[in-house]
PDB file of N, CA and C in Angstrom:
ATOM      1  N   MET A   1    -236.929 119.683  13.598  1.00  0.00           N
ATOM      2  CA  MET A   1    -235.572 119.455  13.140  1.00  0.00           C
ATOM      3  C   MET A   1    -234.675 119.027  14.293  1.00  0.00           C
ATOM      4  N   LYS A   2    -234.896 119.615  15.466  1.00  0.00           N
ATOM      5  CA  LYS A   2    -234.097 119.256  16.645  1.00  0.00           C
ATOM      6  C   LYS A   2    -234.347 117.800  17.041  1.00  0.00           C
ATOM      7  N   ASN A   3    -235.583 117.364  16.918  1.00  0.00           N
ATOM      8  CA  ASN A   3    -235.914 115.984  17.274  1.00  0.00           C
ATOM      9  C   ASN A   3    -235.220 114.994  16.337  1.00  0.00           C
ATOM     10  N   PHE A   4    -235.165 115.339  15.061  1.00  0.00           N
ATOM     11  CA  PHE A   4    -234.503 114.475  14.093  1.00  0.00           C
ATOM     12  C   PHE A   4    -233.003 114.388  14.381  1.00  0.00           C
ATOM     13  N   LEU A   5    -232.403 115.532  14.688  1.00  0.00           N
ATOM     14  CA  LEU A   5    -230.979 115.560  15.001  1.00  0.00           C
ATOM     15  C   LEU A   5    -230.692 114.736  16.255  1.00  0.00           C
ATOM     16  N   LEU A   6    -231.549 114.847  17.256  1.00  0.00           N
ATOM     17  CA  LEU A   6    -231.407 114.065  18.484  1.00  0.00           C
ATOM     18  C   LEU A   6    -231.525 112.565  18.187  1.00  0.00           C
ATOM     19  N   LEU A   7    -232.461 112.194  17.325  1.00  0.00           N
ATOM     20  CA  LEU A   7    -232.633 110.790  16.941  1.00  0.00           C
ATOM     21  C   LEU A   7    -231.378 110.258  16.239  1.00  0.00           C
ATOM     22  N   VAL A   8    -230.802 111.034  15.353  1.00  0.00           N
ATOM     23  CA  VAL A   8    -229.593 110.621  14.652  1.00  0.00           C
ATOM     24  C   VAL A   8    -228.443 110.434  15.630  1.00  0.00           C
ATOM     25  N   VAL A   9    -228.296 111.349  16.577  1.00  0.00           N
ATOM     26  CA  VAL A   9    -227.229 111.241  17.579  1.00  0.00           C
ATOM     27  C   VAL A   9    -227.425 109.995  18.433  1.00  0.00           C
ATOM     28  N   LEU A  10    -228.652 109.693  18.822  1.00  0.00           N
ATOM     29  CA  LEU A  10    -228.927 108.502  19.632  1.00  0.00           C
ATOM     30  C   LEU A  10    -228.634 107.216  18.852  1.00  0.00           C
ATOM     31  N   ILE A  11    -228.983 107.189  17.588  1.00  0.00           N
ATOM     32  CA  ILE A  11    -228.710 105.994  16.767  1.00  0.00           C
ATOM     33  C   ILE A  11    -227.210 105.797  16.604  1.00  0.00           C
ATOM     34  N   LEU A  12    -226.488 106.877  16.340  1.00  0.00           N
ATOM     35  CA  LEU A  12    -225.037 106.771  16.221  1.00  0.00           C
ATOM     36  C   LEU A  12    -224.407 106.311  17.530  1.00  0.00           C
ATOM     37  N   ALA A  13    -224.906 106.817  18.649  1.00  0.00           N
ATOM     38  CA  ALA A  13    -224.393 106.392  19.950  1.00  0.00           C
ATOM     39  C   ALA A  13    -224.682 104.915  20.180  1.00  0.00           C
ATOM     40  N   PHE A  14    -225.863 104.469  19.774  1.00  0.00           N
ATOM     41  CA  PHE A  14    -226.231 103.067  19.950  1.00  0.00           C
ATOM     42  C   PHE A  14    -225.274 102.144  19.203  1.00  0.00           C
ATOM     43  N   PHE A  15    -224.844 102.568  18.023  1.00  0.00           N
ATOM     44  CA  PHE A  15    -223.955 101.735  17.219  1.00  0.00           C
ATOM     45  C   PHE A  15    -222.476 101.876  17.573  1.00  0.00           C
ATOM     46  N   SER A  16    -222.100 102.923  18.274  1.00  0.00           N
ATOM     47  CA  SER A  16    -220.665 103.140  18.493  1.00  0.00           C
ATOM     48  C   SER A  16    -220.196 102.957  19.938  1.00  0.00           C
ATOM     49  N   ILE A  17    -221.055 103.049  20.915  1.00  0.00           N
ATOM     50  CA  ILE A  17    -220.636 102.938  22.313  1.00  0.00           C
ATOM     51  C   ILE A  17    -220.544 101.465  22.704  1.00  0.00           C
ATOM     52  N   ASP A  18    -219.441 101.096  23.345  1.00  0.00           N
ATOM     53  CA  ASP A  18    -219.224  99.710  23.755  1.00  0.00           C
ATOM     54  C   ASP A  18    -219.426  99.500  25.254  1.00  0.00           C
ATOM     55  N   HIS A  19    -220.313 100.240  25.842  1.00  0.00           N
ATOM     56  CA  HIS A  19    -220.615 100.040  27.254  1.00  0.00           C
ATOM     57  C   HIS A  19    -221.539  98.835  27.396  1.00  0.00           C
ATOM     58  N   LYS A  20    -221.429  98.146  28.533  1.00  0.00           N
ATOM     59  CA  LYS A  20    -222.177  96.907  28.763  1.00  0.00           C
ATOM     60  C   LYS A  20    -223.685  97.110  28.616  1.00  0.00           C
ATOM     61  N   ILE A  21    -224.195  98.221  29.051  1.00  0.00           N
ATOM     62  CA  ILE A  21    -225.647  98.485  29.001  1.00  0.00           C
ATOM     63  C   ILE A  21    -226.133  98.596  27.551  1.00  0.00           C
ATOM     64  N   ILE A  22    -225.312  99.124  26.688  1.00  0.00           N
ATOM     65  CA  ILE A  22    -225.708  99.321  25.296  1.00  0.00           C
ATOM     66  C   ILE A  22    -225.277  98.151  24.420  1.00  0.00           C
ATOM     67  N   LYS A  23    -224.137  97.569  24.729  1.00  0.00           N
ATOM     68  CA  LYS A  23    -223.568  96.531  23.873  1.00  0.00           C
ATOM     69  C   LYS A  23    -224.427  95.266  23.838  1.00  0.00           C
ATOM     70  N   GLU A  24    -224.929  94.826  24.981  1.00  0.00           N
ATOM     71  CA  GLU A  24    -225.730  93.588  25.037  1.00  0.00           C
ATOM     72  C   GLU A  24    -227.019  93.686  24.225  1.00  0.00           C
ATOM     73  N   PRO A  25    -227.831  94.749  24.383  1.00  0.00           N
ATOM     74  CA  PRO A  25    -229.048  94.828  23.551  1.00  0.00           C
ATOM     75  C   PRO A  25    -228.741  94.952  22.057  1.00  0.00           C
ATOM     76  N   ARG A  26    -227.634  95.659  21.739  1.00  0.00           N
ATOM     77  CA  ARG A  26    -227.254  95.813  20.335  1.00  0.00           C
ATOM     78  C   ARG A  26    -226.904  94.453  19.730  1.00  0.00           C
ATOM     79  N   GLU A  27    -226.114  93.647  20.445  1.00  0.00           N
ATOM     80  CA  GLU A  27    -225.754  92.324  19.934  1.00  0.00           C
ATOM     81  C   GLU A  27    -226.971  91.415  19.838  1.00  0.00           C
ATOM     82  N   GLU A  28    -227.895  91.549  20.774  1.00  0.00           N
ATOM     83  CA  GLU A  28    -229.129  90.761  20.724  1.00  0.00           C
ATOM     84  C   GLU A  28    -229.958  91.153  19.499  1.00  0.00           C
ATOM     85  N   LEU A  29    -230.043  92.449  19.230  1.00  0.00           N
ATOM     86  CA  LEU A  29    -230.773  92.932  18.057  1.00  0.00           C
ATOM     87  C   LEU A  29    -230.118  92.435  16.769  1.00  0.00           C
ATOM     88  N   PHE A  30    -228.797  92.529  16.674  1.00  0.00           N
ATOM     89  CA  PHE A  30    -228.091  92.038  15.494  1.00  0.00           C
ATOM     90  C   PHE A  30    -228.280  90.533  15.325  1.00  0.00           C
ATOM     91  N   GLY A  31    -228.268  89.795  16.431  1.00  0.00           N
ATOM     92  CA  GLY A  31    -228.485  88.348  16.365  1.00  0.00           C
ATOM     93  C   GLY A  31    -229.871  88.009  15.842  1.00  0.00           C
ATOM     94  N   THR A  32    -230.875  88.752  16.304  1.00  0.00           N
ATOM     95  CA  THR A  32    -232.240  88.533  15.848  1.00  0.00           C
ATOM     96  C   THR A  32    -232.370  88.831  14.363  1.00  0.00           C
ATOM     97  N   ILE A  33    -231.790  89.929  13.931  1.00  0.00           N
ATOM     98  CA  ILE A  33    -231.863  90.305  12.518  1.00  0.00           C
ATOM     99  C   ILE A  33    -231.129  89.278  11.654  1.00  0.00           C
ATOM    100  N   THR A  34    -229.966  88.845  12.089  1.00  0.00           N
ATOM    101  CA  THR A  34    -229.189  87.852  11.342  1.00  0.00           C
ATOM    102  C   THR A  34    -229.944  86.531  11.240  1.00  0.00           C
ATOM    103  N   HIS A  35    -230.558  86.102  12.349  1.00  0.00           N
ATOM    104  CA  HIS A  35    -231.324  84.856  12.352  1.00  0.00           C
ATOM    105  C   HIS A  35    -232.505  84.956  11.385  1.00  0.00           C
ATOM    106  N   PHE A  36    -233.184  86.092  11.397  1.00  0.00           N
ATOM    107  CA  PHE A  36    -234.330  86.283  10.513  1.00  0.00           C
ATOM    108  C   PHE A  36    -233.894  86.249   9.050  1.00  0.00           C
ATOM    109  N   LEU A  37    -232.809  86.964   8.734  1.00  0.00           N
ATOM    110  CA  LEU A  37    -232.346  87.004   7.345  1.00  0.00           C
ATOM    111  C   LEU A  37    -231.834  85.653   6.866  1.00  0.00           C
ATOM    112  N   SER A  38    -231.130  84.929   7.719  1.00  0.00           N
ATOM    113  CA  SER A  38    -230.640  83.609   7.306  1.00  0.00           C
ATOM    114  C   SER A  38    -231.793  82.643   7.125  1.00  0.00           C
ATOM    115  N   GLY A  39    -232.840  82.775   7.917  1.00  0.00           N
ATOM    116  CA  GLY A  39    -234.016  81.925   7.752  1.00  0.00           C
ATOM    117  C   GLY A  39    -234.721  82.187   6.438  1.00  0.00           C
ATOM    118  N   SER A  40    -234.815  83.450   6.034  1.00  0.00           N
ATOM    119  CA  SER A  40    -235.471  83.762   4.769  1.00  0.00           C
ATOM    120  C   SER A  40    -234.636  83.292   3.590  1.00  0.00           C
ATOM    121  N   ILE A  41    -233.326  83.353   3.696  1.00  0.00           N
ATOM    122  CA  ILE A  41    -232.454  82.856   2.632  1.00  0.00           C
ATOM    123  C   ILE A  41    -232.582  81.341   2.523  1.00  0.00           C
ATOM    124  N   LYS A  42    -232.672  80.684   3.665  1.00  0.00           N
ATOM    125  CA  LYS A  42    -232.771  79.230   3.663  1.00  0.00           C
ATOM    126  C   LYS A  42    -234.066  78.771   2.989  1.00  0.00           C
ATOM    127  N   THR A  43    -235.184  79.456   3.260  1.00  0.00           N
ATOM    128  CA  THR A  43    -236.429  79.047   2.631  1.00  0.00           C
ATOM    129  C   THR A  43    -236.380  79.271   1.127  1.00  0.00           C
ATOM    130  N   THR A  44    -235.726  80.342   0.700  1.00  0.00           N
ATOM    131  CA  THR A  44    -235.585  80.577  -0.732  1.00  0.00           C
ATOM    132  C   THR A  44    -234.655  79.542  -1.340  1.00  0.00           C
ATOM    133  N   LYS A  45    -233.622  79.213  -0.616  1.00  0.00           N
ATOM    134  CA  LYS A  45    -232.611  78.288  -1.112  1.00  0.00           C
ATOM    135  C   LYS A  45    -233.182  76.883  -1.313  1.00  0.00           C
ATOM    136  N   ASP A  46    -234.047  76.443  -0.441  1.00  0.00           N
ATOM    137  CA  ASP A  46    -234.589  75.087  -0.507  1.00  0.00           C
ATOM    138  C   ASP A  46    -235.997  75.052  -1.104  1.00  0.00           C
ATOM    139  N   SER A  47    -236.325  76.025  -1.918  1.00  0.00           N
ATOM    140  CA  SER A  47    -237.668  76.075  -2.486  1.00  0.00           C
ATOM    141  C   SER A  47    -237.912  74.947  -3.490  1.00  0.00           C
ATOM    142  N   ALA A  48    -236.873  74.469  -4.155  1.00  0.00           N
ATOM    143  CA  ALA A  48    -237.041  73.368  -5.106  1.00  0.00           C
ATOM    144  C   ALA A  48    -237.463  72.097  -4.378  1.00  0.00           C
ATOM    145  N   ALA A  49    -236.860  71.832  -3.232  1.00  0.00           N
ATOM    146  CA  ALA A  49    -237.220  70.653  -2.455  1.00  0.00           C
ATOM    147  C   ALA A  49    -238.648  70.771  -1.921  1.00  0.00           C
ATOM    148  N   LYS A  50    -239.015  71.965  -1.486  1.00  0.00           N
ATOM    149  CA  LYS A  50    -240.373  72.180  -0.978  1.00  0.00           C
ATOM    150  C   LYS A  50    -241.395  71.995  -2.103  1.00  0.00           C
ATOM    151  N   SER A  51    -241.062  72.493  -3.268  1.00  0.00           N
ATOM    152  CA  SER A  51    -241.949  72.338  -4.422  1.00  0.00           C
ATOM    153  C   SER A  51    -242.107  70.865  -4.802  1.00  0.00           C
ATOM    154  N   ALA A  52    -241.006  70.125  -4.751  1.00  0.00           N
ATOM    155  CA  ALA A  52    -241.067  68.689  -5.065  1.00  0.00           C
ATOM    156  C   ALA A  52    -241.960  67.962  -4.077  1.00  0.00           C
ATOM    157  N   SER A  53    -241.814  68.289  -2.804  1.00  0.00           N
ATOM    158  CA  SER A  53    -242.633  67.653  -1.767  1.00  0.00           C
ATOM    159  C   SER A  53    -244.116  67.924  -1.997  1.00  0.00           C
ATOM    160  N   GLU A  54    -244.456  69.154  -2.306  1.00  0.00           N
ATOM    161  CA  GLU A  54    -245.860  69.510  -2.545  1.00  0.00           C
ATOM    162  C   GLU A  54    -246.418  68.791  -3.774  1.00  0.00           C
ATOM    163  N   ARG A  55    -245.608  68.715  -4.838  1.00  0.00           N
ATOM    164  CA  ARG A  55    -246.062  68.040  -6.051  1.00  0.00           C
ATOM    165  C   ARG A  55    -246.256  66.552  -5.822  1.00  0.00           C
ATOM    166  N   ILE A  56    -245.352  65.931  -5.067  1.00  0.00           N
ATOM    167  CA  ILE A  56    -245.470  64.497  -4.776  1.00  0.00           C
ATOM    168  C   ILE A  56    -246.735  64.235  -3.975  1.00  0.00           C
ATOM    169  N   LYS A  57    -246.980  65.052  -2.974  1.00  0.00           N
ATOM    170  CA  LYS A  57    -248.159  64.856  -2.129  1.00  0.00           C
ATOM    171  C   LYS A  57    -249.458  65.093  -2.886  1.00  0.00           C
ATOM    172  N   SER A  58    -249.445  66.005  -3.849  1.00  0.00           N
ATOM    173  CA  SER A  58    -250.667  66.251  -4.619  1.00  0.00           C
ATOM    174  C   SER A  58    -250.915  65.160  -5.662  1.00  0.00           C
ATOM    175  N   LYS A  59    -249.843  64.550  -6.144  1.00  0.00           N
ATOM    176  CA  LYS A  59    -249.975  63.547  -7.201  1.00  0.00           C
ATOM    177  C   LYS A  59    -250.295  62.151  -6.661  1.00  0.00           C
ATOM    178  N   LEU A  60    -249.762  61.807  -5.492  1.00  0.00           N
ATOM    179  CA  LEU A  60    -249.936  60.464  -4.940  1.00  0.00           C
ATOM    180  C   LEU A  60    -250.758  60.508  -3.658  1.00  0.00           C
ATOM    181  N   GLU A  61    -251.440  59.420  -3.407  1.00  0.00           N
ATOM    182  CA  GLU A  61    -252.138  59.273  -2.137  1.00  0.00           C
ATOM    183  C   GLU A  61    -251.182  58.574  -1.172  1.00  0.00           C
ATOM    184  N   LEU A  62    -250.701  59.331  -0.177  1.00  0.00           N
ATOM    185  CA  LEU A  62    -249.678  58.816   0.730  1.00  0.00           C
ATOM    186  C   LEU A  62    -250.264  58.500   2.094  1.00  0.00           C
ATOM    187  N   THR A  63    -249.710  57.480   2.725  1.00  0.00           N
ATOM    188  CA  THR A  63    -250.047  57.220   4.115  1.00  0.00           C
ATOM    189  C   THR A  63    -249.266  58.221   4.973  1.00  0.00           C
ATOM    190  N   SER A  64    -249.552  58.250   6.260  1.00  0.00           N
ATOM    191  CA  SER A  64    -248.867  59.213   7.128  1.00  0.00           C
ATOM    192  C   SER A  64    -247.373  58.909   7.225  1.00  0.00           C
ATOM    193  N   THR A  65    -246.998  57.633   7.232  1.00  0.00           N
ATOM    194  CA  THR A  65    -245.575  57.305   7.307  1.00  0.00           C
ATOM    195  C   THR A  65    -244.863  57.655   5.996  1.00  0.00           C
ATOM    196  N   GLN A  66    -245.535  57.439   4.871  1.00  0.00           N
ATOM    197  CA  GLN A  66    -244.943  57.817   3.586  1.00  0.00           C
ATOM    198  C   GLN A  66    -244.803  59.334   3.483  1.00  0.00           C
ATOM    199  N   SER A  67    -245.794  60.051   3.969  1.00  0.00           N
ATOM    200  CA  SER A  67    -245.740  61.511   3.948  1.00  0.00           C
ATOM    201  C   SER A  67    -244.589  62.034   4.809  1.00  0.00           C
ATOM    202  N   THR A  68    -244.410  61.445   5.974  1.00  0.00           N
ATOM    203  CA  THR A  68    -243.299  61.826   6.851  1.00  0.00           C
ATOM    204  C   THR A  68    -241.963  61.509   6.180  1.00  0.00           C
ATOM    205  N   TYR A  69    -241.884  60.373   5.512  1.00  0.00           N
ATOM    206  CA  TYR A  69    -240.674  59.968   4.803  1.00  0.00           C
ATOM    207  C   TYR A  69    -240.331  60.967   3.695  1.00  0.00           C
ATOM    208  N   ILE A  70    -241.343  61.378   2.939  1.00  0.00           N
ATOM    209  CA  ILE A  70    -241.133  62.369   1.875  1.00  0.00           C
ATOM    210  C   ILE A  70    -240.703  63.701   2.472  1.00  0.00           C
ATOM    211  N   ASP A  71    -241.338  64.112   3.564  1.00  0.00           N
ATOM    212  CA  ASP A  71    -240.947  65.370   4.219  1.00  0.00           C
ATOM    213  C   ASP A  71    -239.491  65.336   4.659  1.00  0.00           C
ATOM    214  N   THR A  72    -239.066  64.212   5.196  1.00  0.00           N
ATOM    215  CA  THR A  72    -237.687  64.077   5.664  1.00  0.00           C
ATOM    216  C   THR A  72    -236.699  64.152   4.512  1.00  0.00           C
ATOM    217  N   HIS A  73    -237.012  63.490   3.404  1.00  0.00           N
ATOM    218  CA  HIS A  73    -236.068  63.416   2.291  1.00  0.00           C
ATOM    219  C   HIS A  73    -236.177  64.584   1.307  1.00  0.00           C
ATOM    220  N   THR A  74    -237.142  65.466   1.510  1.00  0.00           N
ATOM    221  CA  THR A  74    -237.224  66.672   0.676  1.00  0.00           C
ATOM    222  C   THR A  74    -237.192  67.920   1.546  1.00  0.00           C
ATOM    223  N   LYS A  75    -236.557  67.811   2.690  1.00  0.00           N
ATOM    224  CA  LYS A  75    -236.447  68.967   3.578  1.00  0.00           C
ATOM    225  C   LYS A  75    -235.487  70.006   3.012  1.00  0.00           C
ATOM    226  N   THR A  76    -234.400  69.565   2.400  1.00  0.00           N
ATOM    227  CA  THR A  76    -233.435  70.470   1.778  1.00  0.00           C
ATOM    228  C   THR A  76    -233.123  69.972   0.378  1.00  0.00           C
ATOM    229  N   ASN A  77    -232.553  70.853  -0.416  1.00  0.00           N
ATOM    230  CA  ASN A  77    -232.167  70.453  -1.775  1.00  0.00           C
ATOM    231  C   ASN A  77    -231.093  69.369  -1.736  1.00  0.00           C
ATOM    232  N   GLN A  78    -230.221  69.442  -0.743  1.00  0.00           N
ATOM    233  CA  GLN A  78    -229.149  68.446  -0.599  1.00  0.00           C
ATOM    234  C   GLN A  78    -229.734  67.049  -0.366  1.00  0.00           C
ATOM    235  N   LYS A  79    -230.701  66.964   0.544  1.00  0.00           N
ATOM    236  CA  LYS A  79    -231.320  65.666   0.829  1.00  0.00           C
ATOM    237  C   LYS A  79    -232.097  65.151  -0.381  1.00  0.00           C
ATOM    238  N   MET A  80    -232.724  66.075  -1.112  1.00  0.00           N
ATOM    239  CA  MET A  80    -233.473  65.671  -2.295  1.00  0.00           C
ATOM    240  C   MET A  80    -232.523  65.110  -3.359  1.00  0.00           C
ATOM    241  N   LYS A  81    -231.367  65.733  -3.536  1.00  0.00           N
ATOM    242  CA  LYS A  81    -230.371  65.223  -4.490  1.00  0.00           C
ATOM    243  C   LYS A  81    -229.857  63.842  -4.065  1.00  0.00           C
ATOM    244  N   ALA A  82    -229.652  63.664  -2.755  1.00  0.00           N
ATOM    245  CA  ALA A  82    -229.198  62.373  -2.249  1.00  0.00           C
ATOM    246  C   ALA A  82    -230.251  61.290  -2.509  1.00  0.00           C
ATOM    247  N   PHE A  83    -231.521  61.625  -2.307  1.00  0.00           N
ATOM    248  CA  PHE A  83    -232.610  60.693  -2.596  1.00  0.00           C
ATOM    249  C   PHE A  83    -232.597  60.330  -4.075  1.00  0.00           C
ATOM    250  N   ASN A  84    -232.448  61.332  -4.922  1.00  0.00           N
ATOM    251  CA  ASN A  84    -232.418  61.103  -6.371  1.00  0.00           C
ATOM    252  C   ASN A  84    -231.274  60.169  -6.754  1.00  0.00           C
ATOM    253  N   THR A  85    -230.108  60.414  -6.212  1.00  0.00           N
ATOM    254  CA  THR A  85    -228.949  59.579  -6.533  1.00  0.00           C
ATOM    255  C   THR A  85    -229.159  58.147  -6.065  1.00  0.00           C
ATOM    256  N   ARG A  86    -229.618  58.007  -4.831  1.00  0.00           N
ATOM    257  CA  ARG A  86    -229.719  56.671  -4.243  1.00  0.00           C
ATOM    258  C   ARG A  86    -230.844  55.835  -4.853  1.00  0.00           C
ATOM    259  N   PHE A  87    -232.045  56.407  -4.935  1.00  0.00           N
ATOM    260  CA  PHE A  87    -233.203  55.598  -5.320  1.00  0.00           C
ATOM    261  C   PHE A  87    -233.593  55.718  -6.791  1.00  0.00           C
ATOM    262  N   CYS A  88    -233.216  56.810  -7.446  1.00  0.00           N
ATOM    263  CA  CYS A  88    -233.614  56.983  -8.840  1.00  0.00           C
ATOM    264  C   CYS A  88    -232.497  56.605  -9.808  1.00  0.00           C
ATOM    265  N   ILE A  89    -231.283  56.998  -9.488  1.00  0.00           N
ATOM    266  CA  ILE A  89    -230.172  56.712 -10.392  1.00  0.00           C
ATOM    267  C   ILE A  89    -229.577  55.333 -10.123  1.00  0.00           C
ATOM    268  N   LYS A  90    -229.269  55.054  -8.847  1.00  0.00           N
ATOM    269  CA  LYS A  90    -228.652  53.767  -8.496  1.00  0.00           C
ATOM    270  C   LYS A  90    -229.664  52.648  -8.291  1.00  0.00           C
ATOM    271  N   ASN A  91    -230.950  52.957  -8.337  1.00  0.00           N
ATOM    272  CA  ASN A  91    -232.038  51.978  -8.182  1.00  0.00           C
ATOM    273  C   ASN A  91    -231.917  51.159  -6.904  1.00  0.00           C
ATOM    274  N   ASP A  92    -231.556  51.802  -5.819  1.00  0.00           N
ATOM    275  CA  ASP A  92    -231.480  51.128  -4.530  1.00  0.00           C
ATOM    276  C   ASP A  92    -232.899  50.791  -4.057  1.00  0.00           C
ATOM    277  N   LEU A  93    -233.033  49.784  -3.220  1.00  0.00           N
ATOM    278  CA  LEU A  93    -234.333  49.353  -2.718  1.00  0.00           C
ATOM    279  C   LEU A  93    -234.892  50.388  -1.744  1.00  0.00           C
ATOM    280  N   ASN A  94    -236.103  50.845  -1.993  1.00  0.00           N
ATOM    281  CA  ASN A  94    -236.785  51.783  -1.117  1.00  0.00           C
ATOM    282  C   ASN A  94    -237.877  51.030  -0.377  1.00  0.00           C
ATOM    283  N   LEU A  95    -237.878  51.148   0.934  1.00  0.00           N
ATOM    284  CA  LEU A  95    -238.840  50.402   1.739  1.00  0.00           C
ATOM    285  C   LEU A  95    -240.233  51.018   1.746  1.00  0.00           C
ATOM    286  N   TYR A  96    -240.351  52.280   1.331  1.00  0.00           N
ATOM    287  CA  TYR A  96    -241.632  52.969   1.386  1.00  0.00           C
ATOM    288  C   TYR A  96    -242.339  53.052   0.037  1.00  0.00           C
ATOM    289  N   PHE A  97    -241.578  53.080  -1.046  1.00  0.00           N
ATOM    290  CA  PHE A  97    -242.166  53.221  -2.375  1.00  0.00           C
ATOM    291  C   PHE A  97    -241.545  52.212  -3.329  1.00  0.00           C
ATOM    292  N   GLN A  98    -242.401  51.621  -4.168  1.00  0.00           N
ATOM    293  CA  GLN A  98    -241.946  50.698  -5.196  1.00  0.00           C
ATOM    294  C   GLN A  98    -242.758  50.960  -6.457  1.00  0.00           C
ATOM    295  N   GLY A  99    -242.273  50.446  -7.541  1.00  0.00           N
ATOM    296  CA  GLY A  99    -243.018  50.452  -8.802  1.00  0.00           C
ATOM    297  C   GLY A  99    -243.357  51.825  -9.325  1.00  0.00           C
ATOM    298  N   ASN A 100    -244.632  51.985  -9.710  1.00  0.00           N
ATOM    299  CA  ASN A 100    -245.093  53.205 -10.347  1.00  0.00           C
ATOM    300  C   ASN A 100    -244.986  54.421  -9.421  1.00  0.00           C
ATOM    301  N   ASP A 101    -245.263  54.241  -8.144  1.00  0.00           N
ATOM    302  CA  ASP A 101    -245.164  55.360  -7.197  1.00  0.00           C
ATOM    303  C   ASP A 101    -243.738  55.901  -7.133  1.00  0.00           C
ATOM    304  N   LEU A 102    -242.771  55.013  -7.045  1.00  0.00           N
ATOM    305  CA  LEU A 102    -241.370  55.437  -7.008  1.00  0.00           C
ATOM    306  C   LEU A 102    -240.969  56.099  -8.318  1.00  0.00           C
ATOM    307  N   ARG A 103    -241.467  55.584  -9.426  1.00  0.00           N
ATOM    308  CA  ARG A 103    -241.167  56.166 -10.736  1.00  0.00           C
ATOM    309  C   ARG A 103    -241.695  57.601 -10.833  1.00  0.00           C
ATOM    310  N   GLN A 104    -242.912  57.825 -10.353  1.00  0.00           N
ATOM    311  CA  GLN A 104    -243.491  59.171 -10.379  1.00  0.00           C
ATOM    312  C   GLN A 104    -242.714  60.124  -9.471  1.00  0.00           C
ATOM    313  N   ILE A 105    -242.345  59.638  -8.298  1.00  0.00           N
ATOM    314  CA  ILE A 105    -241.558  60.455  -7.372  1.00  0.00           C
ATOM    315  C   ILE A 105    -240.219  60.817  -7.998  1.00  0.00           C
ATOM    316  N   CYS A 106    -239.581  59.851  -8.636  1.00  0.00           N
ATOM    317  CA  CYS A 106    -238.291  60.096  -9.280  1.00  0.00           C
ATOM    318  C   CYS A 106    -238.421  61.120 -10.404  1.00  0.00           C
ATOM    319  N   GLN A 107    -239.491  61.070 -11.177  1.00  0.00           N
ATOM    320  CA  GLN A 107    -239.691  62.041 -12.248  1.00  0.00           C
ATOM    321  C   GLN A 107    -239.814  63.457 -11.678  1.00  0.00           C
ATOM    322  N   ILE A 108    -240.585  63.595 -10.628  1.00  0.00           N
ATOM    323  CA  ILE A 108    -240.776  64.911 -10.009  1.00  0.00           C
ATOM    324  C   ILE A 108    -239.459  65.430  -9.445  1.00  0.00           C
ATOM    325  N   ILE A 109    -238.746  64.578  -8.729  1.00  0.00           N
ATOM    326  CA  ILE A 109    -237.488  64.998  -8.108  1.00  0.00           C
ATOM    327  C   ILE A 109    -236.437  65.313  -9.173  1.00  0.00           C
ATOM    328  N   GLU A 110    -236.374  64.525 -10.237  1.00  0.00           N
ATOM    329  CA  GLU A 110    -235.403  64.785 -11.304  1.00  0.00           C
ATOM    330  C   GLU A 110    -235.665  66.125 -11.981  1.00  0.00           C
ATOM    331  N   GLN A 111    -236.945  66.488 -12.154  1.00  0.00           N
ATOM    332  CA  GLN A 111    -237.273  67.800 -12.716  1.00  0.00           C
ATOM    333  C   GLN A 111    -236.760  68.921 -11.813  1.00  0.00           C
ATOM    334  N   GLN A 112    -236.931  68.760 -10.505  1.00  0.00           N
ATOM    335  CA  GLN A 112    -236.479  69.786  -9.569  1.00  0.00           C
ATOM    336  C   GLN A 112    -234.953  69.856  -9.511  1.00  0.00           C
ATOM    337  N   VAL A 113    -234.295  68.711  -9.589  1.00  0.00           N
ATOM    338  CA  VAL A 113    -232.826  68.691  -9.571  1.00  0.00           C
ATOM    339  C   VAL A 113    -232.285  69.388 -10.823  1.00  0.00           C
ATOM    340  N   LYS A 114    -232.936  69.192 -11.967  1.00  0.00           N
ATOM    341  CA  LYS A 114    -232.500  69.865 -13.195  1.00  0.00           C
ATOM    342  C   LYS A 114    -232.659  71.371 -13.055  1.00  0.00           C
ATOM    343  N   LYS A 115    -233.725  71.829 -12.395  1.00  0.00           N
ATOM    344  CA  LYS A 115    -233.926  73.268 -12.189  1.00  0.00           C
ATOM    345  C   LYS A 115    -232.825  73.853 -11.318  1.00  0.00           C
ATOM    346  N   ILE A 116    -232.398  73.095 -10.331  1.00  0.00           N
ATOM    347  CA  ILE A 116    -231.348  73.569  -9.418  1.00  0.00           C
ATOM    348  C   ILE A 116    -230.025  73.699 -10.153  1.00  0.00           C
ATOM    349  N   SER A 117    -229.700  72.694 -10.961  1.00  0.00           N
ATOM    350  CA  SER A 117    -228.396  72.675 -11.628  1.00  0.00           C
ATOM    351  C   SER A 117    -228.295  73.665 -12.776  1.00  0.00           C
ATOM    352  N   ASN A 118    -229.414  74.146 -13.284  1.00  0.00           N
ATOM    353  CA  ASN A 118    -229.370  75.128 -14.383  1.00  0.00           C
ATOM    354  C   ASN A 118    -229.183  76.510 -13.897  1.00  0.00           C
TER     355      ASN A 118
END
């Protein structure tokens, strides 16, 4: 019981004392935890774009440059929506995909965009 009480006192001291020796490691620990949590939120947040990228790669046979292009434009949900607007809705010229390949990519991306907006 004494050990538990000592542990509680040390934890409280760690969080409340603003001395340079304690403050720097505490801020470093909080920074690490914050970075980890924001990274996990980001991966959850952009899961629709990641899913679209995986589906496109499984459905089409892509060259390495096309694969890199898809990775770039489906890195985040925002970029995926921009791709959808530019190449699927406005029918802008795409230098990497034309015809049936672009149509299939647009179908996959439009499905993911609908999931995001619902």
